[in-house]
Protein backbone atom coordinates (compact mmCIF):
# COMPACT_ATOMS: atom_id res chain seq x y z
CA UNK A 1 -9.83 -13.29 -2.13
CA UNK A 2 -7.78 -14.86 -4.95
CA UNK A 3 -4.29 -13.78 -5.97
CA UNK A 4 -5.44 -11.83 -9.03
CA UNK A 5 -7.77 -9.71 -6.90
CA UNK A 6 -5.12 -9.19 -4.24
CA UNK A 7 -2.80 -7.90 -6.97
CA UNK A 8 -5.33 -5.77 -8.83
CA UNK A 9 -6.92 -4.01 -5.85
CA UNK A 10 -3.79 -2.20 -4.56
CA UNK A 11 -2.56 -1.58 -8.12
CA UNK A 12 -5.81 0.06 -9.23
CA UNK A 13 -6.01 2.12 -6.06
CA UNK A 14 -2.37 3.21 -5.93
CA UNK A 15 -2.48 3.98 -9.66
CA UNK A 16 -5.26 6.46 -8.92
CA UNK A 17 -3.60 7.95 -5.84
CA UNK A 18 -0.94 9.58 -8.04
CA UNK A 19 -3.73 11.82 -9.33
CA UNK A 20 -5.48 12.20 -5.95
CA UNK A 21 -2.26 13.39 -4.31
CA UNK A 22 -2.14 16.37 -6.69
CA UNK A 23 -5.35 17.60 -5.04
CA UNK A 24 -3.43 18.00 -1.77
CA UNK A 25 -0.72 20.36 -2.99
CA UNK A 26 -0.91 24.00 -2.03
CA UNK A 27 -2.04 24.84 1.50
CA UNK A 28 -0.87 21.91 3.63
CA UNK A 29 2.78 20.84 3.79
CA UNK A 30 3.39 17.38 2.28
CA UNK A 31 4.81 16.04 5.56
CA UNK A 32 1.62 17.06 7.35
CA UNK A 33 -0.64 15.62 4.64
CA UNK A 34 1.16 12.27 4.93
CA UNK A 35 0.65 12.35 8.71
CA UNK A 36 -3.06 13.18 8.39
CA UNK A 37 -3.56 10.42 5.84
CA UNK A 38 -2.03 7.62 7.87
CA UNK A 39 -3.37 8.87 11.21
CA UNK A 40 -6.91 8.57 9.83
CA UNK A 41 -6.14 5.20 8.25
CA UNK A 42 -4.60 3.70 11.39
CA UNK A 43 -7.48 4.96 13.55
CA UNK A 44 -10.00 3.31 11.21
CA UNK A 45 -8.08 0.03 11.28
CA UNK A 46 -7.65 0.12 15.07
CA UNK A 47 -11.36 0.78 15.49
CA UNK A 48 -12.16 -2.14 13.23
CA UNK A 49 -9.88 -4.42 15.25
CA UNK A 50 -11.56 -3.40 18.50
CA UNK A 51 -15.06 -3.91 17.10
CA UNK A 52 -14.22 -7.35 15.69
CA UNK A 53 -12.27 -8.49 18.76
CA UNK A 54 -8.87 -8.73 17.05
CA UNK A 55 -6.02 -8.42 19.52
CA UNK A 56 -3.45 -5.70 19.01
CA UNK A 57 -1.07 -7.07 21.64
CA UNK A 58 2.32 -8.29 20.44
CA UNK A 59 5.74 -8.82 21.95
CA UNK A 60 8.30 -6.05 22.24
CA UNK A 61 10.39 -7.74 19.55
CA UNK A 62 7.42 -7.86 17.19
CA UNK A 63 6.72 -4.19 17.87
CA UNK A 64 10.30 -3.36 16.93
CA UNK A 65 9.77 -4.89 13.48
CA UNK A 66 6.31 -3.34 13.12
CA UNK A 67 7.81 0.04 13.97
CA UNK A 68 10.64 -0.54 11.51
CA UNK A 69 8.17 -1.32 8.73
CA UNK A 70 6.18 1.81 9.59
CA UNK A 71 9.29 3.99 9.60
CA UNK A 72 10.58 2.65 6.28
CA UNK A 73 7.45 1.89 4.22
CA UNK A 74 5.32 4.81 5.42
CA UNK A 75 7.24 7.70 6.96
CA UNK A 76 10.47 7.63 4.93
CA UNK A 77 9.06 6.16 1.71
CA UNK A 78 6.15 8.57 1.31
CA UNK A 79 7.95 11.71 2.50
CA UNK A 80 10.97 11.02 0.29
CA UNK A 81 8.67 10.55 -2.71
CA UNK A 82 6.86 13.82 -1.95
CA UNK A 83 10.20 15.63 -1.66
CA UNK A 84 11.46 14.05 -4.89
CA UNK A 85 8.37 15.13 -6.84
CA UNK A 86 8.98 18.73 -5.77
CA UNK A 87 12.22 18.81 -7.77
CA UNK A 88 11.82 16.27 -10.62
CA UNK A 89 9.04 15.10 -12.93
CA UNK A 90 6.82 12.29 -11.68
CA UNK A 91 7.87 10.09 -14.60
CA UNK A 92 11.42 9.84 -13.30
CA UNK A 93 10.06 8.98 -9.86
CA UNK A 94 7.87 6.22 -11.37
CA UNK A 95 10.75 4.73 -13.34
CA UNK A 96 13.25 4.76 -10.47
CA UNK A 97 10.74 3.43 -7.95
CA UNK A 98 10.02 0.53 -10.29
CA UNK A 99 13.62 -0.63 -9.73
CA UNK A 100 12.24 -2.25 -6.58
CA UNK A 101 11.58 -5.31 -8.77
CA UNK A 102 15.37 -5.78 -8.78
CA UNK A 103 15.99 -4.69 -5.19
CA UNK A 104 13.46 -7.11 -3.73
CA UNK A 105 15.00 -10.40 -4.97
CA UNK A 106 18.42 -9.19 -3.84
CA UNK A 107 17.01 -8.28 -0.44
CA UNK A 108 15.31 -11.66 -0.11
CA UNK A 109 18.58 -13.37 -0.98
CA UNK A 110 20.47 -11.41 1.69
CA UNK A 111 17.81 -11.60 4.41
CA UNK A 112 16.31 -15.06 3.89
CA UNK A 113 18.62 -16.90 1.50
CA UNK A 114 15.94 -17.08 -1.21
CA UNK A 115 17.46 -17.98 -4.61
CA UNK A 116 17.30 -15.30 -7.32
CA UNK A 117 15.41 -16.82 -10.23
CA UNK A 118 16.52 -15.79 -13.75
CA UNK A 119 12.91 -15.73 -14.91
CA UNK A 120 12.09 -13.02 -12.36
CA UNK A 121 15.05 -10.94 -13.54
CA UNK A 122 13.86 -11.25 -17.14
CA UNK A 123 10.37 -10.20 -16.08
CA UNK A 124 11.82 -7.27 -14.13
CA UNK A 125 13.81 -6.11 -17.15
CA UNK A 126 10.71 -6.25 -19.35
CA UNK A 127 8.57 -4.39 -16.83
CA UNK A 128 11.08 -1.66 -16.09
CA UNK A 129 11.73 -1.13 -19.82
CA UNK A 130 7.99 -0.77 -20.34
CA UNK A 131 7.58 1.83 -17.61
CA UNK A 132 10.55 3.77 -18.99
CA UNK A 133 9.01 3.88 -22.47
CA UNK A 134 5.64 4.94 -21.06
CA UNK A 135 7.18 7.94 -19.33
CA UNK A 136 9.82 8.70 -21.96
CA UNK A 137 8.23 11.96 -23.22
CA UNK A 138 8.02 13.31 -19.69
CA UNK A 139 11.60 12.24 -18.99
CA UNK A 140 12.84 14.02 -22.11
CA UNK A 141 11.08 17.24 -21.11
CA UNK A 142 11.79 17.21 -17.41
CA UNK A 143 15.34 16.03 -16.78
CA UNK A 144 17.40 18.98 -15.58
CA UNK A 145 19.80 20.26 -12.95
CA UNK A 146 17.81 18.91 -10.02
CA UNK A 147 17.71 15.39 -11.45
CA UNK A 148 20.53 14.10 -9.24
CA UNK A 149 18.80 15.21 -6.03
CA UNK A 150 15.39 13.94 -7.08
CA UNK A 151 16.83 10.66 -8.30
CA UNK A 152 18.73 10.15 -5.05
CA UNK A 153 15.60 10.84 -2.98
CA UNK A 154 13.57 8.39 -5.07
CA UNK A 155 16.18 5.63 -4.84
CA UNK A 156 16.36 6.14 -1.06
CA UNK A 157 12.57 5.83 -0.93
CA UNK A 158 12.75 2.64 -3.00
CA UNK A 159 15.43 1.16 -0.76
CA UNK A 160 13.44 2.09 2.36
CA UNK A 161 10.31 0.48 0.93
CA UNK A 162 12.25 -2.66 0.00
CA UNK A 163 13.67 -3.13 3.49
CA UNK A 164 10.24 -2.36 4.94
CA UNK A 165 8.76 -5.12 2.79
CA UNK A 166 11.38 -7.53 4.13
CA UNK A 167 10.31 -6.64 7.66
CA UNK A 168 6.70 -7.38 6.73
CA UNK A 169 7.84 -10.77 5.39
CA UNK A 170 9.47 -11.45 8.76
CA UNK A 171 6.26 -10.41 10.55
CA UNK A 172 4.26 -12.77 8.33
CA UNK A 173 6.70 -15.58 9.06
CA UNK A 174 6.21 -15.27 12.83
CA UNK A 175 2.42 -15.31 12.48
CA UNK A 176 1.38 -11.67 12.91
CA UNK A 177 -2.10 -11.41 11.32
CA UNK A 178 -2.40 -9.17 8.27
CA UNK A 179 -4.98 -6.69 9.57
CA UNK A 180 -3.38 -6.20 12.98
CA UNK A 181 0.07 -5.98 11.41
CA UNK A 182 -1.17 -3.36 8.95
CA UNK A 183 -2.78 -1.41 11.81
CA UNK A 184 0.46 -1.16 13.76
CA UNK A 185 2.57 -0.51 10.66
CA UNK A 186 0.40 2.45 9.67
CA UNK A 187 0.23 3.69 13.26
CA UNK A 188 4.00 3.68 13.63
CA UNK A 189 4.28 5.28 10.20
CA UNK A 190 2.00 8.07 11.42
CA UNK A 191 4.15 8.63 14.50
CA UNK A 192 7.39 8.84 12.52
CA UNK A 193 5.76 11.05 9.86
CA UNK A 194 4.67 13.46 12.58
CA UNK A 195 8.20 13.51 13.97
CA UNK A 196 9.56 14.25 10.48
CA UNK A 197 7.10 17.11 10.09
CA UNK A 198 8.17 18.54 13.46
CA UNK A 199 11.85 18.18 12.55
CA UNK A 200 11.22 19.93 9.22
CA UNK A 201 9.58 22.82 11.06
CA UNK A 202 6.55 22.94 8.74
CA UNK A 203 3.27 24.55 9.78
CA UNK A 204 0.47 22.29 10.98
CA UNK A 205 -2.33 23.69 8.86
CA UNK A 206 -5.47 22.14 7.41
CA UNK A 207 -7.28 22.80 4.15
CA UNK A 208 -11.05 22.60 4.63
CA UNK A 209 -11.79 22.77 0.91
CA UNK A 210 -13.86 19.95 -0.57
CA UNK A 211 -10.97 19.09 -2.90
CA UNK A 212 -8.53 18.50 -0.03
CA UNK A 213 -10.98 16.76 2.30
CA UNK A 214 -12.22 14.38 -0.41
CA UNK A 215 -8.69 13.50 -1.50
CA UNK A 216 -7.64 12.96 2.13
CA UNK A 217 -10.60 10.63 2.71
CA UNK A 218 -9.84 8.69 -0.47
CA UNK A 219 -6.13 8.41 0.29
CA UNK A 220 -6.80 7.28 3.87
CA UNK A 221 -9.63 4.81 3.27
CA UNK A 222 -8.79 3.42 -0.17
CA UNK A 223 -5.13 4.35 -0.67
CA UNK A 224 -4.09 3.25 2.81
CA UNK A 225 -6.58 0.95 4.59
CA UNK A 226 -7.82 -1.11 1.64
CA UNK A 227 -4.66 -0.95 -0.47
CA UNK A 228 -2.22 -1.85 2.30
CA UNK A 229 -4.36 -4.64 3.76
CA UNK A 230 -4.71 -6.29 0.35
CA UNK A 231 -1.05 -5.68 -0.54
CA UNK A 232 0.17 -7.22 2.73
CA UNK A 233 -2.19 -10.16 2.13
CA UNK A 234 -0.66 -10.52 -1.36
CA UNK A 235 2.81 -10.35 0.15
CA UNK A 236 1.89 -13.18 2.53
CA UNK A 237 0.30 -15.26 -0.25
CA UNK A 238 2.86 -15.01 -3.08
CA UNK A 239 5.97 -13.50 -1.49
CA UNK A 240 7.77 -10.21 -2.09
CA UNK A 241 9.08 -11.08 -5.56
CA UNK A 242 5.76 -11.14 -7.44
CA UNK A 243 4.31 -8.53 -5.05
CA UNK A 244 6.99 -6.04 -6.06
CA UNK A 245 5.52 -5.98 -9.57
CA UNK A 246 2.86 -3.66 -8.20
CA UNK A 247 5.55 -1.00 -8.75
CA UNK A 248 5.41 -1.82 -12.47
CA UNK A 249 1.62 -2.05 -12.72
CA UNK A 250 0.85 1.07 -10.66
CA UNK A 251 2.40 3.61 -13.07
CA UNK A 252 0.66 1.80 -15.93
CA UNK A 253 -2.70 2.47 -14.25
CA UNK A 254 -1.59 6.04 -13.53
CA UNK A 255 -1.02 6.55 -17.27
CA UNK A 256 -4.50 5.24 -18.06
CA UNK A 257 -6.02 7.64 -15.51
CA UNK A 258 -3.93 10.48 -16.92
CA UNK A 259 -5.39 9.64 -20.33
CA UNK A 260 -8.91 10.13 -18.94
CA UNK A 261 -8.36 13.23 -16.79
CA UNK A 262 -5.18 14.94 -17.95
CA UNK A 263 -5.17 14.43 -21.71
CA UNK A 264 -2.22 12.06 -21.94
CA UNK A 265 -1.49 11.39 -25.61
CA UNK A 266 -0.53 7.91 -26.71
CA UNK A 267 2.38 7.35 -29.08
CA UNK A 268 3.78 4.18 -30.64
CA UNK A 269 6.54 4.29 -28.03
CA UNK A 270 3.99 4.44 -25.21
CA UNK A 271 2.02 1.54 -26.69
CA UNK A 272 5.23 -0.50 -26.88
CA UNK A 273 5.97 0.44 -23.27
CA UNK A 274 2.53 -0.72 -22.17
CA UNK A 275 3.03 -4.04 -23.98
CA UNK A 276 6.43 -4.61 -22.33
CA UNK A 277 5.11 -3.72 -18.88
CA UNK A 278 2.17 -6.10 -19.20
CA UNK A 279 4.49 -8.84 -20.52
CA UNK A 280 6.81 -8.40 -17.55
CA UNK A 281 3.95 -8.55 -15.05
CA UNK A 282 2.47 -11.63 -16.72
CA UNK A 283 5.80 -13.43 -16.78
CA UNK A 284 6.44 -12.64 -13.12
CA UNK A 285 3.06 -13.82 -11.90
CA UNK A 286 3.06 -16.95 -14.05
CA UNK A 287 6.51 -17.90 -12.79
CA UNK A 288 5.05 -17.88 -9.30
C-alpha cells in the first residue's frame, strides 16, 4: 500500500468515527464502550495472527513498551477525550488535539534527537489555523465555564497520544512487526481501559439496540483494526512528523460528514479554514 493510501485510510475512518461515537452515548458508560471496542478489535487481530501463523511472542522489554503504548494511545487518550467531550464542545477538542503536530516534532527531538524542520512547523501552523477556522462557529457558541477542565483533559490526551506514538516508533525501530505490535497495543489498551472503568466505578452494562451494536462493530473493525494497522504502517513508513497530520485531516473529514448528516453550514471562514488545512497537510507530506 502506498503512502497516500496509508494516510487516507485512517483519516477517512477516524473522520467518520466522530459521528459513529455519538451513537454510543446514553446507556453504556464511555469507559465501558472504549473497553468493548478495543477488546473486540484486539481479539480479531489476535485471531488473525494465529490463523496466519504470526508470532505474538516478544521479550519482556518489548512488552513494556507495547503496554506503554496501549496505556497512553488507547486507554488514557480515548477516555480523556470522552471525558473532555462531556464538558466542552467537540470543536475545541478537535482544535486542541490537532496541536499534536507541534508536540510530535518536539517529542522526536527529545527522544531520538531528530532535528525540528522549519518547513514542518510552517505546515503545522497552517493546518492548525485551518482547523480552528473550520470549528470557529462552534467555539464561539460553546466556550464557557467548563472550558478550562475540558481543555486540560484534551491536552493531556494529546500529550499521552504523542508519547504513545514515540513508543510505537521505538517498537518499529527494534523490528516489531506492524500487525503483531498493533495487536498487543490494542490488547494492553483494553486491559488498562477496563481498569479505568473499574476505578471509576461505572456500571458494566450493554446496549443491545441496533444503533449501539452497529456503531460498536464499526468502531472495532474499521475504527480500530483497519485504522490503527494502517496508521502504524504509515508511522513506520514516513515517521511521526508527517503521520501526526492525521490530526489535522481527521477533523476536516468530520466536517464533511457533518455536512452530509448533521446539516453543517459552510461559511467563507470555513472555506478558508479548509483551504489552510489542506495546504498544511500538502506542505507536510511534500516535505517528507
